[in-house]
Amino acid sequence: RFRPGRLGISVPSSTLGPVPRVLPGDRRERIAASQERW
């Protein structure tokens, strides 16, 4: 989900590992299954 100045990522429930993401400035994070992050 893309909103002015914000980005939301929701990963559905799963037995798979976390989803890695990279934002501008090489900001790296992992988003676990069943998690939503803004």
Full PDB file with SEQRES, HELIX, SHEET, SSBOND, CRYST1, ORIGX, SCALE, CONECT and MASTER records, all heavy atoms in Angstrom:
SEQRES   1 A   38  ARG PHE ARG PRO GLY ARG LEU GLY ILE SER VAL PRO SER          
SEQRES   2 A   38  SER THR LEU GLY PRO VAL PRO ARG VAL LEU PRO GLY ASP          
SEQRES   3 A   38  ARG ARG GLU ARG ILE ALA ALA SER GLN GLU ARG TRP              
SHEET    1 AA1 2 PHE A   2  ARG A   3  0                                        
SHEET    2 AA1 2 ARG A   6  LEU A   7 -1                                        
SHEET    1 AA2 2 ILE A   9  VAL A  11  0                                        
SHEET    2 AA2 2 GLN A  35  ARG A  37 -1                                        
SHEET    1 AA3 2 VAL A  19  LEU A  23  0                                        
SHEET    2 AA3 2 ARG A  27  ILE A  31 -1                                        
CRYST1    1.000    1.000    1.000  90.00  90.00  90.00 P 1           1          
ORIGX1      1.000000  0.000000  0.000000        0.00000                         
ORIGX2      0.000000  1.000000  0.000000        0.00000                         
ORIGX3      0.000000  0.000000  1.000000        0.00000                         
SCALE1      1.000000  0.000000  0.000000        0.00000                         
SCALE2      0.000000  1.000000  0.000000        0.00000                         
SCALE3      0.000000  0.000000  1.000000        0.00000                         
ATOM      1  N   ARG A   1       0.851  -1.190   0.000  1.00  0.00           N  
ATOM      2  CA  ARG A   1       0.000   0.000   0.000  1.00  0.00           C  
ATOM      3  C   ARG A   1       0.882   1.233   0.000  1.00  0.00           C  
ATOM      4  O   ARG A   1       1.798   1.343   0.821  1.00  0.00           O  
ATOM      5  CB  ARG A   1      -0.929  -0.008   1.204  1.00  0.00           C  
ATOM      6  CG  ARG A   1      -2.015  -1.054   1.024  1.00  0.00           C  
ATOM      7  CD  ARG A   1      -2.984  -1.019   2.121  1.00  0.00           C  
ATOM      8  NE  ARG A   1      -2.331  -1.657   3.266  1.00  0.00           N  
ATOM      9  CZ  ARG A   1      -2.933  -1.919   4.400  1.00  0.00           C  
ATOM     10  NH1 ARG A   1      -4.157  -1.565   4.595  1.00  0.00           N  
ATOM     11  NH2 ARG A   1      -2.292  -2.522   5.364  1.00  0.00           N  
ATOM     12  N   PHE A   2       0.607   2.117  -0.904  1.00  0.00           N  
ATOM     13  CA  PHE A   2       1.390   3.320  -1.101  1.00  0.00           C  
ATOM     14  C   PHE A   2       0.507   4.514  -0.793  1.00  0.00           C  
ATOM     15  O   PHE A   2      -0.569   4.665  -1.374  1.00  0.00           O  
ATOM     16  CB  PHE A   2       1.884   3.327  -2.558  1.00  0.00           C  
ATOM     17  CG  PHE A   2       2.731   4.490  -2.924  1.00  0.00           C  
ATOM     18  CD1 PHE A   2       3.876   4.796  -2.216  1.00  0.00           C  
ATOM     19  CD2 PHE A   2       2.406   5.266  -4.014  1.00  0.00           C  
ATOM     20  CE1 PHE A   2       4.666   5.860  -2.581  1.00  0.00           C  
ATOM     21  CE2 PHE A   2       3.196   6.336  -4.388  1.00  0.00           C  
ATOM     22  CZ  PHE A   2       4.324   6.630  -3.674  1.00  0.00           C  
ATOM     23  N   ARG A   3       0.921   5.340   0.153  1.00  0.00           N  
ATOM     24  CA  ARG A   3       0.220   6.565   0.540  1.00  0.00           C  
ATOM     25  C   ARG A   3       1.238   7.695   0.519  1.00  0.00           C  
ATOM     26  O   ARG A   3       2.439   7.444   0.608  1.00  0.00           O  
ATOM     27  CB  ARG A   3      -0.367   6.439   1.950  1.00  0.00           C  
ATOM     28  CG  ARG A   3      -1.282   5.248   2.167  1.00  0.00           C  
ATOM     29  CD  ARG A   3      -2.604   5.434   1.438  1.00  0.00           C  
ATOM     30  NE  ARG A   3      -3.547   4.372   1.714  1.00  0.00           N  
ATOM     31  CZ  ARG A   3      -3.758   3.322   0.935  1.00  0.00           C  
ATOM     32  NH1 ARG A   3      -3.057   3.166  -0.167  1.00  0.00           N  
ATOM     33  NH2 ARG A   3      -4.659   2.417   1.231  1.00  0.00           N  
ATOM     34  N   PRO A   4       0.808   8.925   0.458  1.00  0.00           N  
ATOM     35  CA  PRO A   4       1.778  10.025   0.473  1.00  0.00           C  
ATOM     36  C   PRO A   4       2.694   9.945   1.701  1.00  0.00           C  
ATOM     37  O   PRO A   4       2.228   9.944   2.836  1.00  0.00           O  
ATOM     38  CB  PRO A   4       0.902  11.278   0.528  1.00  0.00           C  
ATOM     39  CG  PRO A   4      -0.391  10.850  -0.106  1.00  0.00           C  
ATOM     40  CD  PRO A   4      -0.570   9.412   0.318  1.00  0.00           C  
ATOM     41  N   GLY A   5       3.972   9.783   1.453  1.00  0.00           N  
ATOM     42  CA  GLY A   5       4.962   9.732   2.519  1.00  0.00           C  
ATOM     43  C   GLY A   5       5.046   8.435   3.300  1.00  0.00           C  
ATOM     44  O   GLY A   5       5.838   8.312   4.224  1.00  0.00           O  
ATOM     45  N   ARG A   6       4.226   7.430   2.926  1.00  0.00           N  
ATOM     46  CA  ARG A   6       4.221   6.165   3.665  1.00  0.00           C  
ATOM     47  C   ARG A   6       4.063   4.983   2.725  1.00  0.00           C  
ATOM     48  O   ARG A   6       3.464   5.097   1.672  1.00  0.00           O  
ATOM     49  CB  ARG A   6       3.079   6.126   4.673  1.00  0.00           C  
ATOM     50  CG  ARG A   6       3.136   7.177   5.713  1.00  0.00           C  
ATOM     51  CD  ARG A   6       2.044   7.067   6.752  1.00  0.00           C  
ATOM     52  NE  ARG A   6       0.749   6.803   6.165  1.00  0.00           N  
ATOM     53  CZ  ARG A   6      -0.196   6.073   6.744  1.00  0.00           C  
ATOM     54  NH1 ARG A   6       0.012   5.530   7.914  1.00  0.00           N  
ATOM     55  NH2 ARG A   6      -1.359   5.886   6.179  1.00  0.00           N  
ATOM     56  N   LEU A   7       4.579   3.857   3.170  1.00  0.00           N  
ATOM     57  CA  LEU A   7       4.462   2.622   2.423  1.00  0.00           C  
ATOM     58  C   LEU A   7       4.109   1.520   3.410  1.00  0.00           C  
ATOM     59  O   LEU A   7       4.773   1.370   4.438  1.00  0.00           O  
ATOM     60  CB  LEU A   7       5.783   2.287   1.734  1.00  0.00           C  
ATOM     61  CG  LEU A   7       5.810   0.944   1.027  1.00  0.00           C  
ATOM     62  CD1 LEU A   7       5.172   1.100  -0.342  1.00  0.00           C  
ATOM     63  CD2 LEU A   7       7.217   0.446   0.886  1.00  0.00           C  
ATOM     64  N   GLY A   8       3.056   0.768   3.120  1.00  0.00           N  
ATOM     65  CA  GLY A   8       2.650  -0.336   3.974  1.00  0.00           C  
ATOM     66  C   GLY A   8       2.869  -1.664   3.278  1.00  0.00           C  
ATOM     67  O   GLY A   8       2.597  -1.798   2.087  1.00  0.00           O  
ATOM     68  N   ILE A   9       3.377  -2.640   4.014  1.00  0.00           N  
ATOM     69  CA  ILE A   9       3.588  -3.983   3.479  1.00  0.00           C  
ATOM     70  C   ILE A   9       2.980  -4.976   4.463  1.00  0.00           C  
ATOM     71  O   ILE A   9       3.305  -4.956   5.649  1.00  0.00           O  
ATOM     72  CB  ILE A   9       5.076  -4.303   3.276  1.00  0.00           C  
ATOM     73  CG1 ILE A   9       5.722  -3.274   2.355  1.00  0.00           C  
ATOM     74  CG2 ILE A   9       5.256  -5.713   2.727  1.00  0.00           C  
ATOM     75  CD1 ILE A   9       7.217  -3.423   2.207  1.00  0.00           C  
ATOM     76  N   SER A  10       2.083  -5.832   3.960  1.00  0.00           N  
ATOM     77  CA  SER A  10       1.463  -6.877   4.768  1.00  0.00           C  
ATOM     78  C   SER A  10       1.833  -8.230   4.186  1.00  0.00           C  
ATOM     79  O   SER A  10       1.649  -8.463   2.997  1.00  0.00           O  
ATOM     80  CB  SER A  10      -0.061  -6.752   4.744  1.00  0.00           C  
ATOM     81  OG  SER A  10      -0.460  -5.506   5.233  1.00  0.00           O  
ATOM     82  N   VAL A  11       2.368  -9.101   5.031  1.00  0.00           N  
ATOM     83  CA  VAL A  11       2.726 -10.458   4.615  1.00  0.00           C  
ATOM     84  C   VAL A  11       1.718 -11.404   5.253  1.00  0.00           C  
ATOM     85  O   VAL A  11       1.555 -11.401   6.470  1.00  0.00           O  
ATOM     86  CB  VAL A  11       4.167 -10.811   5.041  1.00  0.00           C  
ATOM     87  CG1 VAL A  11       4.511 -12.225   4.628  1.00  0.00           C  
ATOM     88  CG2 VAL A  11       5.161  -9.822   4.453  1.00  0.00           C  
ATOM     89  N   PRO A  12       1.014 -12.200   4.442  1.00  0.00           N  
ATOM     90  CA  PRO A  12       0.008 -13.097   5.012  1.00  0.00           C  
ATOM     91  C   PRO A  12       0.632 -14.228   5.835  1.00  0.00           C  
ATOM     92  O   PRO A  12       1.824 -14.489   5.753  1.00  0.00           O  
ATOM     93  CB  PRO A  12      -0.713 -13.647   3.788  1.00  0.00           C  
ATOM     94  CG  PRO A  12       0.242 -13.504   2.671  1.00  0.00           C  
ATOM     95  CD  PRO A  12       1.111 -12.326   2.995  1.00  0.00           C  
ATOM     96  N   SER A  13      -0.205 -14.879   6.583  1.00  0.00           N  
ATOM     97  CA  SER A  13       0.210 -16.011   7.399  1.00  0.00           C  
ATOM     98  C   SER A  13       0.833 -17.087   6.509  1.00  0.00           C  
ATOM     99  O   SER A  13       0.322 -17.385   5.429  1.00  0.00           O  
ATOM    100  CB  SER A  13      -1.006 -16.559   8.129  1.00  0.00           C  
ATOM    101  OG  SER A  13      -0.632 -17.581   8.999  1.00  0.00           O  
ATOM    102  N   SER A  14       1.971 -17.648   6.941  1.00  0.00           N  
ATOM    103  CA  SER A  14       2.695 -18.617   6.128  1.00  0.00           C  
ATOM    104  C   SER A  14       3.737 -19.322   6.984  1.00  0.00           C  
ATOM    105  O   SER A  14       4.146 -18.809   8.022  1.00  0.00           O  
ATOM    106  CB  SER A  14       3.383 -17.882   4.970  1.00  0.00           C  
ATOM    107  OG  SER A  14       4.278 -18.719   4.311  1.00  0.00           O  
ATOM    108  N   THR A  15       4.181 -20.488   6.518  1.00  0.00           N  
ATOM    109  CA  THR A  15       5.285 -21.180   7.187  1.00  0.00           C  
ATOM    110  C   THR A  15       6.625 -20.783   6.571  1.00  0.00           C  
ATOM    111  O   THR A  15       7.665 -21.254   7.014  1.00  0.00           O  
ATOM    112  CB  THR A  15       5.107 -22.702   7.080  1.00  0.00           C  
ATOM    113  OG1 THR A  15       5.062 -23.072   5.703  1.00  0.00           O  
ATOM    114  CG2 THR A  15       3.849 -23.151   7.793  1.00  0.00           C  
ATOM    115  N   LEU A  16       6.579 -19.929   5.563  1.00  0.00           N  
ATOM    116  CA  LEU A  16       7.804 -19.466   4.909  1.00  0.00           C  
ATOM    117  C   LEU A  16       8.509 -18.424   5.773  1.00  0.00           C  
ATOM    118  O   LEU A  16       7.913 -17.826   6.664  1.00  0.00           O  
ATOM    119  CB  LEU A  16       7.475 -18.872   3.542  1.00  0.00           C  
ATOM    120  CG  LEU A  16       6.820 -19.829   2.545  1.00  0.00           C  
ATOM    121  CD1 LEU A  16       6.344 -19.069   1.327  1.00  0.00           C  
ATOM    122  CD2 LEU A  16       7.785 -20.927   2.157  1.00  0.00           C  
ATOM    123  N   GLY A  17       9.761 -18.184   5.481  1.00  0.00           N  
ATOM    124  CA  GLY A  17      10.541 -17.205   6.239  1.00  0.00           C  
ATOM    125  C   GLY A  17      10.088 -15.779   5.976  1.00  0.00           C  
ATOM    126  O   GLY A  17       9.171 -15.532   5.188  1.00  0.00           O  
ATOM    127  N   PRO A  18      10.734 -14.815   6.626  1.00  0.00           N  
ATOM    128  CA  PRO A  18      10.361 -13.418   6.463  1.00  0.00           C  
ATOM    129  C   PRO A  18      10.675 -12.913   5.055  1.00  0.00           C  
ATOM    130  O   PRO A  18      11.492 -13.489   4.339  1.00  0.00           O  
ATOM    131  CB  PRO A  18      11.199 -12.691   7.507  1.00  0.00           C  
ATOM    132  CG  PRO A  18      12.331 -13.600   7.794  1.00  0.00           C  
ATOM    133  CD  PRO A  18      11.851 -14.991   7.550  1.00  0.00           C  
ATOM    134  N   VAL A  19      10.012 -11.828   4.679  1.00  0.00           N  
ATOM    135  CA  VAL A  19      10.222 -11.200   3.380  1.00  0.00           C  
ATOM    136  C   VAL A  19      11.193 -10.037   3.572  1.00  0.00           C  
ATOM    137  O   VAL A  19      10.897  -9.096   4.318  1.00  0.00           O  
ATOM    138  CB  VAL A  19       8.883 -10.684   2.792  1.00  0.00           C  
ATOM    139  CG1 VAL A  19       9.119  -9.899   1.518  1.00  0.00           C  
ATOM    140  CG2 VAL A  19       7.937 -11.844   2.558  1.00  0.00           C  
ATOM    141  N   PRO A  20      12.364 -10.088   2.925  1.00  0.00           N  
ATOM    142  CA  PRO A  20      13.299  -8.966   3.036  1.00  0.00           C  
ATOM    143  C   PRO A  20      12.865  -7.823   2.128  1.00  0.00           C  
ATOM    144  O   PRO A  20      12.336  -8.051   1.046  1.00  0.00           O  
ATOM    145  CB  PRO A  20      14.627  -9.566   2.570  1.00  0.00           C  
ATOM    146  CG  PRO A  20      14.244 -10.698   1.674  1.00  0.00           C  
ATOM    147  CD  PRO A  20      12.911 -11.193   2.153  1.00  0.00           C  
ATOM    148  N   ARG A  21      13.065  -6.589   2.573  1.00  0.00           N  
ATOM    149  CA  ARG A  21      12.752  -5.446   1.743  1.00  0.00           C  
ATOM    150  C   ARG A  21      13.868  -4.420   1.877  1.00  0.00           C  
ATOM    151  O   ARG A  21      14.551  -4.347   2.895  1.00  0.00           O  
ATOM    152  CB  ARG A  21      11.389  -4.873   2.052  1.00  0.00           C  
ATOM    153  CG  ARG A  21      11.260  -4.266   3.424  1.00  0.00           C  
ATOM    154  CD  ARG A  21      11.440  -2.770   3.335  1.00  0.00           C  
ATOM    155  NE  ARG A  21      11.461  -2.206   4.668  1.00  0.00           N  
ATOM    156  CZ  ARG A  21      12.467  -1.510   5.143  1.00  0.00           C  
ATOM    157  NH1 ARG A  21      13.556  -1.335   4.458  1.00  0.00           N  
ATOM    158  NH2 ARG A  21      12.405  -0.986   6.343  1.00  0.00           N  
ATOM    159  N   VAL A  22      14.046  -3.635   0.817  1.00  0.00           N  
ATOM    160  CA  VAL A  22      15.077  -2.611   0.783  1.00  0.00           C  
ATOM    161  C   VAL A  22      14.423  -1.309   0.324  1.00  0.00           C  
ATOM    162  O   VAL A  22      13.852  -1.247  -0.762  1.00  0.00           O  
ATOM    163  CB  VAL A  22      16.226  -2.983  -0.181  1.00  0.00           C  
ATOM    164  CG1 VAL A  22      17.299  -1.911  -0.178  1.00  0.00           C  
ATOM    165  CG2 VAL A  22      16.809  -4.350   0.162  1.00  0.00           C  
ATOM    166  N   LEU A  23      14.490  -0.279   1.171  1.00  0.00           N  
ATOM    167  CA  LEU A  23      13.950   1.038   0.840  1.00  0.00           C  
ATOM    168  C   LEU A  23      15.096   1.975   0.467  1.00  0.00           C  
ATOM    169  O   LEU A  23      16.269   1.644   0.670  1.00  0.00           O  
ATOM    170  CB  LEU A  23      13.171   1.603   2.028  1.00  0.00           C  
ATOM    171  CG  LEU A  23      11.825   0.965   2.318  1.00  0.00           C  
ATOM    172  CD1 LEU A  23      11.222   1.568   3.578  1.00  0.00           C  
ATOM    173  CD2 LEU A  23      10.867   1.133   1.169  1.00  0.00           C  
ATOM    174  N   PRO A  24      14.781   3.149  -0.068  1.00  0.00           N  
ATOM    175  CA  PRO A  24      15.837   4.099  -0.424  1.00  0.00           C  
ATOM    176  C   PRO A  24      16.801   4.330   0.733  1.00  0.00           C  
ATOM    177  O   PRO A  24      16.415   4.280   1.898  1.00  0.00           O  
ATOM    178  CB  PRO A  24      15.066   5.375  -0.757  1.00  0.00           C  
ATOM    179  CG  PRO A  24      13.720   4.902  -1.182  1.00  0.00           C  
ATOM    180  CD  PRO A  24      13.450   3.674  -0.348  1.00  0.00           C  
ATOM    181  N   GLY A  25      18.052   4.579   0.401  1.00  0.00           N  
ATOM    182  CA  GLY A  25      19.074   4.758   1.421  1.00  0.00           C  
ATOM    183  C   GLY A  25      19.576   3.435   1.968  1.00  0.00           C  
ATOM    184  O   GLY A  25      20.201   3.386   3.006  1.00  0.00           O  
ATOM    185  N   ASP A  26      19.278   2.350   1.245  1.00  0.00           N  
ATOM    186  CA  ASP A  26      19.702   0.996   1.621  1.00  0.00           C  
ATOM    187  C   ASP A  26      19.173   0.593   2.999  1.00  0.00           C  
ATOM    188  O   ASP A  26      19.823  -0.139   3.738  1.00  0.00           O  
ATOM    189  CB  ASP A  26      21.228   0.886   1.569  1.00  0.00           C  
ATOM    190  CG  ASP A  26      21.680  -0.549   1.358  1.00  0.00           C  
ATOM    191  OD1 ASP A  26      20.946  -1.310   0.689  1.00  0.00           O  
ATOM    192  OD2 ASP A  26      22.752  -0.911   1.866  1.00  0.00           O  
ATOM    193  N   ARG A  27      17.975   1.086   3.342  1.00  0.00           N  
ATOM    194  CA  ARG A  27      17.323   0.685   4.596  1.00  0.00           C  
ATOM    195  C   ARG A  27      16.773  -0.715   4.396  1.00  0.00           C  
ATOM    196  O   ARG A  27      15.907  -0.943   3.561  1.00  0.00           O  
ATOM    197  CB  ARG A  27      16.197   1.652   4.959  1.00  0.00           C  
ATOM    198  CG  ARG A  27      16.694   3.040   5.219  1.00  0.00           C  
ATOM    199  CD  ARG A  27      15.608   3.981   5.663  1.00  0.00           C  
ATOM    200  NE  ARG A  27      14.331   3.740   5.027  1.00  0.00           N  
ATOM    201  CZ  ARG A  27      13.294   4.548   5.091  1.00  0.00           C  
ATOM    202  NH1 ARG A  27      13.368   5.663   5.757  1.00  0.00           N  
ATOM    203  NH2 ARG A  27      12.163   4.255   4.482  1.00  0.00           N  
ATOM    204  N   ARG A  28      17.271  -1.657   5.179  1.00  0.00           N  
ATOM    205  CA  ARG A  28      16.894  -3.071   5.036  1.00  0.00           C  
ATOM    206  C   ARG A  28      16.165  -3.558   6.276  1.00  0.00           C  
ATOM    207  O   ARG A  28      16.514  -3.193   7.389  1.00  0.00           O  
ATOM    208  CB  ARG A  28      18.139  -3.925   4.811  1.00  0.00           C  
ATOM    209  CG  ARG A  28      18.837  -3.594   3.530  1.00  0.00           C  
ATOM    210  CD  ARG A  28      20.170  -4.324   3.407  1.00  0.00           C  
ATOM    211  NE  ARG A  28      20.805  -3.934   2.162  1.00  0.00           N  
ATOM    212  CZ  ARG A  28      20.675  -4.586   1.029  1.00  0.00           C  
ATOM    213  NH1 ARG A  28      19.951  -5.686   0.979  1.00  0.00           N  
ATOM    214  NH2 ARG A  28      21.267  -4.163  -0.060  1.00  0.00           N  
ATOM    215  N   GLU A  29      15.177  -4.383   6.030  1.00  0.00           N  
ATOM    216  CA  GLU A  29      14.404  -4.953   7.123  1.00  0.00           C  
ATOM    217  C   GLU A  29      13.731  -6.216   6.624  1.00  0.00           C  
ATOM    218  O   GLU A  29      13.576  -6.410   5.430  1.00  0.00           O  
ATOM    219  CB  GLU A  29      13.351  -3.943   7.575  1.00  0.00           C  
ATOM    220  CG  GLU A  29      13.042  -4.058   9.039  1.00  0.00           C  
ATOM    221  CD  GLU A  29      12.225  -2.895   9.517  1.00  0.00           C  
ATOM    222  OE1 GLU A  29      12.680  -1.751   9.418  1.00  0.00           O  
ATOM    223  OE2 GLU A  29      11.109  -3.164   9.970  1.00  0.00           O  
ATOM    224  N   ARG A  30      13.306  -7.057   7.549  1.00  0.00           N  
ATOM    225  CA  ARG A  30      12.572  -8.271   7.203  1.00  0.00           C  
ATOM    226  C   ARG A  30      11.182  -8.175   7.816  1.00  0.00           C  
ATOM    227  O   ARG A  30      11.040  -7.745   8.948  1.00  0.00           O  
ATOM    228  CB  ARG A  30      13.298  -9.505   7.710  1.00  0.00           C  
ATOM    229  CG  ARG A  30      14.635  -9.705   7.042  1.00  0.00           C  
ATOM    230  CD  ARG A  30      15.300 -10.971   7.545  1.00  0.00           C  
ATOM    231  NE  ARG A  30      16.504 -11.235   6.826  1.00  0.00           N  
ATOM    232  CZ  ARG A  30      16.587 -11.837   5.643  1.00  0.00           C  
ATOM    233  NH1 ARG A  30      15.505 -12.246   5.048  1.00  0.00           N  
ATOM    234  NH2 ARG A  30      17.733 -12.044   5.054  1.00  0.00           N  
ATOM    235  N   ILE A  31      10.199  -8.600   7.041  1.00  0.00           N  
ATOM    236  CA  ILE A  31       8.818  -8.562   7.501  1.00  0.00           C  
ATOM    237  C   ILE A  31       8.346 -10.004   7.625  1.00  0.00           C  
ATOM    238  O   ILE A  31       8.297 -10.740   6.639  1.00  0.00           O  
ATOM    239  CB  ILE A  31       7.939  -7.766   6.531  1.00  0.00           C  
ATOM    240  CG1 ILE A  31       8.529  -6.367   6.359  1.00  0.00           C  
ATOM    241  CG2 ILE A  31       6.504  -7.703   7.035  1.00  0.00           C  
ATOM    242  CD1 ILE A  31       7.980  -5.614   5.197  1.00  0.00           C  
ATOM    243  N   ALA A  32       8.027 -10.407   8.836  1.00  0.00           N  
ATOM    244  CA  ALA A  32       7.628 -11.788   9.111  1.00  0.00           C  
ATOM    245  C   ALA A  32       6.215 -12.055   8.612  1.00  0.00           C  
ATOM    246  O   ALA A  32       5.421 -11.137   8.416  1.00  0.00           O  
ATOM    247  CB  ALA A  32       7.712 -12.060  10.606  1.00  0.00           C  
ATOM    248  N   ALA A  33       5.918 -13.330   8.410  1.00  0.00           N  
ATOM    249  CA  ALA A  33       4.565 -13.739   8.039  1.00  0.00           C  
ATOM    250  C   ALA A  33       3.591 -13.268   9.111  1.00  0.00           C  
ATOM    251  O   ALA A  33       3.943 -13.192  10.294  1.00  0.00           O  
ATOM    252  CB  ALA A  33       4.502 -15.255   7.887  1.00  0.00           C  
ATOM    253  N   SER A  34       2.391 -12.912   8.702  1.00  0.00           N  
ATOM    254  CA  SER A  34       1.323 -12.401   9.575  1.00  0.00           C  
ATOM    255  C   SER A  34       1.647 -11.027  10.151  1.00  0.00           C  
ATOM    256  O   SER A  34       1.083 -10.629  11.158  1.00  0.00           O  
ATOM    257  CB  SER A  34       1.024 -13.359  10.729  1.00  0.00           C  
ATOM    258  OG  SER A  34       0.640 -14.616  10.233  1.00  0.00           O  
ATOM    259  N   GLN A  35       2.558 -10.303   9.520  1.00  0.00           N  
ATOM    260  CA  GLN A  35       2.952  -8.998  10.022  1.00  0.00           C  
ATOM    261  C   GLN A  35       2.629  -7.918   8.999  1.00  0.00           C  
ATOM    262  O   GLN A  35       2.733  -8.135   7.791  1.00  0.00           O  
ATOM    263  CB  GLN A  35       4.449  -8.981  10.331  1.00  0.00           C  
ATOM    264  CG  GLN A  35       4.927  -7.737  11.032  1.00  0.00           C  
ATOM    265  CD  GLN A  35       6.406  -7.811  11.364  1.00  0.00           C  
ATOM    266  OE1 GLN A  35       7.190  -8.398  10.626  1.00  0.00           O  
ATOM    267  NE2 GLN A  35       6.790  -7.218  12.468  1.00  0.00           N  
ATOM    268  N   GLU A  36       2.255  -6.745   9.488  1.00  0.00           N  
ATOM    269  CA  GLU A  36       2.061  -5.566   8.644  1.00  0.00           C  
ATOM    270  C   GLU A  36       2.970  -4.474   9.178  1.00  0.00           C  
ATOM    271  O   GLU A  36       3.034  -4.248  10.384  1.00  0.00           O  
ATOM    272  CB  GLU A  36       0.615  -5.085   8.692  1.00  0.00           C  
ATOM    273  CG  GLU A  36       0.399  -3.828   7.874  1.00  0.00           C  
ATOM    274  CD  GLU A  36      -1.026  -3.337   7.908  1.00  0.00           C  
ATOM    275  OE1 GLU A  36      -1.661  -3.426   8.978  1.00  0.00           O  
ATOM    276  OE2 GLU A  36      -1.497  -2.867   6.876  1.00  0.00           O  
ATOM    277  N   ARG A  37       3.705  -3.835   8.288  1.00  0.00           N  
ATOM    278  CA  ARG A  37       4.629  -2.765   8.674  1.00  0.00           C  
ATOM    279  C   ARG A  37       4.390  -1.550   7.794  1.00  0.00           C  
ATOM    280  O   ARG A  37       4.127  -1.684   6.609  1.00  0.00           O  
ATOM    281  CB  ARG A  37       6.078  -3.220   8.498  1.00  0.00           C  
ATOM    282  CG  ARG A  37       6.486  -4.418   9.322  1.00  0.00           C  
ATOM    283  CD  ARG A  37       6.591  -4.144  10.809  1.00  0.00           C  
ATOM    284  NE  ARG A  37       7.398  -2.993  11.123  1.00  0.00           N  
ATOM    285  CZ  ARG A  37       8.719  -2.996  11.251  1.00  0.00           C  
ATOM    286  NH1 ARG A  37       9.398  -4.106  11.101  1.00  0.00           N  
ATOM    287  NH2 ARG A  37       9.375  -1.889  11.547  1.00  0.00           N  
ATOM    288  N   TRP A  38       4.508  -0.374   8.387  1.00  0.00           N  
ATOM    289  CA  TRP A  38       4.420   0.890   7.655  1.00  0.00           C  
ATOM    290  C   TRP A  38       5.749   1.605   7.784  1.00  0.00           C  
ATOM    291  O   TRP A  38       6.372   1.584   8.853  1.00  0.00           O  
ATOM    292  CB  TRP A  38       3.293   1.757   8.202  1.00  0.00           C  
ATOM    293  CG  TRP A  38       1.955   1.293   7.736  1.00  0.00           C  
ATOM    294  CD1 TRP A  38       1.144   0.367   8.334  1.00  0.00           C  
ATOM    295  CD2 TRP A  38       1.288   1.702   6.550  1.00  0.00           C  
ATOM    296  NE1 TRP A  38       0.011   0.177   7.586  1.00  0.00           N  
ATOM    297  CE2 TRP A  38       0.065   0.996   6.491  1.00  0.00           C  
ATOM    298  CE3 TRP A  38       1.587   2.601   5.532  1.00  0.00           C  
ATOM    299  CZ2 TRP A  38      -0.841   1.160   5.453  1.00  0.00           C  
ATOM    300  CZ3 TRP A  38       0.676   2.767   4.501  1.00  0.00           C  
ATOM    301  CH2 TRP A  38      -0.516   2.058   4.470  1.00  0.00           C  
TER     302      TRP A  38                                                      
MASTER        0    0    0    0    6    0    0    6  301    1    0    3          
END                                                                             
